[in-house]
Amino acid sequence: EMKARADYGEKLENDWNSTTQYYEQKYPQEAHELKILISGGLPPGWEISLP
């Protein structure tokens, strides 16, 4: 059971990595901003939208 879960987790991680690689190639600016958001940061220029 544990091996099956580990294998499934590895597959999900590989799928995620493939998807993000494709996204980075197709949408480099958006991918950069996504990485910032995932790491807990804010994208450049976020303060412009403040009132």
N, C-alpha and C. Protein backbone atom coordinates (compact mmCIF):
# COMPACT_ATOMS: atom_id res chain seq x y z
N GLU A 1 0.83 -1.21 0.00
CA GLU A 1 0.00 0.00 0.00
C GLU A 1 0.86 1.26 0.00
N MET A 2 1.88 1.29 0.85
CA MET A 2 2.73 2.47 0.93
C MET A 2 3.49 2.69 -0.38
N LYS A 3 3.98 1.62 -0.98
CA LYS A 3 4.70 1.73 -2.26
C LYS A 3 3.79 2.27 -3.33
N ALA A 4 2.55 1.81 -3.36
CA ALA A 4 1.59 2.28 -4.36
C ALA A 4 1.34 3.78 -4.19
N ARG A 5 1.22 4.24 -2.95
CA ARG A 5 1.00 5.66 -2.67
C ARG A 5 2.21 6.49 -3.09
N ALA A 6 3.40 5.97 -2.79
CA ALA A 6 4.63 6.67 -3.18
C ALA A 6 4.73 6.77 -4.70
N ASP A 7 4.42 5.69 -5.39
CA ASP A 7 4.45 5.70 -6.85
C ASP A 7 3.44 6.69 -7.41
N TYR A 8 2.25 6.72 -6.82
CA TYR A 8 1.21 7.65 -7.26
C TYR A 8 1.65 9.10 -7.02
N GLY A 9 2.24 9.36 -5.89
CA GLY A 9 2.75 10.70 -5.60
C GLY A 9 3.84 11.11 -6.58
N GLU A 10 4.70 10.18 -6.92
CA GLU A 10 5.75 10.46 -7.90
C GLU A 10 5.15 10.78 -9.26
N LYS A 11 4.11 10.04 -9.66
CA LYS A 11 3.45 10.31 -10.93
C LYS A 11 2.82 11.70 -10.93
N LEU A 12 2.15 12.05 -9.83
CA LEU A 12 1.54 13.37 -9.74
C LEU A 12 2.59 14.48 -9.83
N GLU A 13 3.71 14.27 -9.16
CA GLU A 13 4.79 15.27 -9.21
C GLU A 13 5.35 15.40 -10.62
N ASN A 14 5.55 14.27 -11.29
CA ASN A 14 6.04 14.30 -12.68
C ASN A 14 5.05 15.01 -13.59
N ASP A 15 3.76 14.74 -13.41
CA ASP A 15 2.73 15.43 -14.20
C ASP A 15 2.77 16.93 -13.96
N TRP A 16 2.88 17.32 -12.69
CA TRP A 16 2.95 18.74 -12.33
C TRP A 16 4.17 19.39 -12.97
N ASN A 17 5.32 18.73 -12.87
CA ASN A 17 6.55 19.29 -13.44
C ASN A 17 6.44 19.43 -14.95
N SER A 18 5.86 18.46 -15.63
CA SER A 18 5.68 18.54 -17.08
C SER A 18 4.75 19.69 -17.45
N THR A 19 3.67 19.82 -16.70
CA THR A 19 2.70 20.89 -16.97
C THR A 19 3.33 22.26 -16.76
N THR A 20 4.06 22.43 -15.66
CA THR A 20 4.66 23.73 -15.40
C THR A 20 5.77 24.04 -16.40
N GLN A 21 6.50 23.03 -16.85
CA GLN A 21 7.52 23.25 -17.88
C GLN A 21 6.88 23.77 -19.17
N TYR A 22 5.80 23.14 -19.58
CA TYR A 22 5.08 23.57 -20.77
C TYR A 22 4.58 25.00 -20.59
N TYR A 23 3.99 25.28 -19.44
CA TYR A 23 3.45 26.61 -19.15
C TYR A 23 4.55 27.66 -19.18
N GLU A 24 5.73 27.33 -18.63
CA GLU A 24 6.85 28.27 -18.63
C GLU A 24 7.31 28.59 -20.05
N GLN A 25 7.27 27.61 -20.93
CA GLN A 25 7.68 27.83 -22.31
C GLN A 25 6.65 28.66 -23.06
N LYS A 26 5.38 28.37 -22.83
CA LYS A 26 4.31 29.04 -23.57
C LYS A 26 3.99 30.42 -23.01
N TYR A 27 4.06 30.56 -21.69
CA TYR A 27 3.70 31.82 -21.02
C TYR A 27 4.77 32.19 -20.00
N PRO A 28 5.94 32.63 -20.45
CA PRO A 28 7.04 32.87 -19.52
C PRO A 28 6.74 33.92 -18.45
N GLN A 29 6.12 35.02 -18.81
CA GLN A 29 5.83 36.07 -17.82
C GLN A 29 4.84 35.58 -16.77
N GLU A 30 3.77 34.95 -17.23
CA GLU A 30 2.76 34.44 -16.30
C GLU A 30 3.34 33.35 -15.40
N ALA A 31 4.20 32.51 -15.97
CA ALA A 31 4.83 31.44 -15.17
C ALA A 31 5.73 32.04 -14.09
N HIS A 32 6.43 33.11 -14.43
CA HIS A 32 7.27 33.78 -13.44
C HIS A 32 6.41 34.31 -12.29
N GLU A 33 5.31 34.95 -12.63
CA GLU A 33 4.40 35.48 -11.60
C GLU A 33 3.80 34.35 -10.76
N LEU A 34 3.46 33.23 -11.40
CA LEU A 34 2.91 32.09 -10.68
C LEU A 34 3.92 31.56 -9.66
N LYS A 35 5.19 31.46 -10.06
CA LYS A 35 6.22 31.00 -9.13
C LYS A 35 6.33 31.92 -7.92
N ILE A 36 6.24 33.22 -8.17
CA ILE A 36 6.29 34.19 -7.07
C ILE A 36 5.12 33.96 -6.13
N LEU A 37 3.92 33.80 -6.68
CA LEU A 37 2.73 33.60 -5.85
C LEU A 37 2.80 32.30 -5.06
N ILE A 38 3.25 31.23 -5.70
CA ILE A 38 3.35 29.94 -5.03
C ILE A 38 4.33 30.01 -3.86
N SER A 39 5.39 30.80 -4.02
CA SER A 39 6.38 30.91 -2.95
C SER A 39 5.97 31.91 -1.87
N GLY A 40 4.78 32.50 -2.02
CA GLY A 40 4.28 33.41 -0.99
C GLY A 40 4.58 34.87 -1.25
N GLY A 41 5.16 35.18 -2.39
CA GLY A 41 5.48 36.56 -2.72
C GLY A 41 4.35 37.25 -3.46
N LEU A 42 4.61 38.48 -3.83
CA LEU A 42 3.65 39.26 -4.61
C LEU A 42 4.29 39.63 -5.94
N PRO A 43 3.51 39.66 -7.02
CA PRO A 43 4.08 39.98 -8.32
C PRO A 43 4.50 41.44 -8.40
N PRO A 44 5.44 41.75 -9.28
CA PRO A 44 5.86 43.13 -9.45
C PRO A 44 4.67 44.02 -9.81
N GLY A 45 4.63 45.19 -9.22
CA GLY A 45 3.58 46.14 -9.53
C GLY A 45 2.28 45.93 -8.78
N TRP A 46 2.26 45.00 -7.82
CA TRP A 46 1.02 44.71 -7.10
C TRP A 46 0.48 45.94 -6.38
N GLU A 47 1.39 46.82 -5.96
CA GLU A 47 0.96 47.98 -5.19
C GLU A 47 0.19 49.01 -6.03
N ILE A 48 0.28 48.91 -7.33
CA ILE A 48 -0.44 49.83 -8.22
C ILE A 48 -1.94 49.68 -8.04
N SER A 49 -2.40 48.49 -7.72
CA SER A 49 -3.84 48.26 -7.59
C SER A 49 -4.40 48.70 -6.23
N LEU A 50 -3.54 49.17 -5.35
CA LEU A 50 -4.02 49.65 -4.05
C LEU A 50 -4.76 50.99 -4.22
N PRO A 51 -5.79 51.21 -3.41
CA PRO A 51 -6.51 52.49 -3.52
C PRO A 51 -5.70 53.64 -2.95
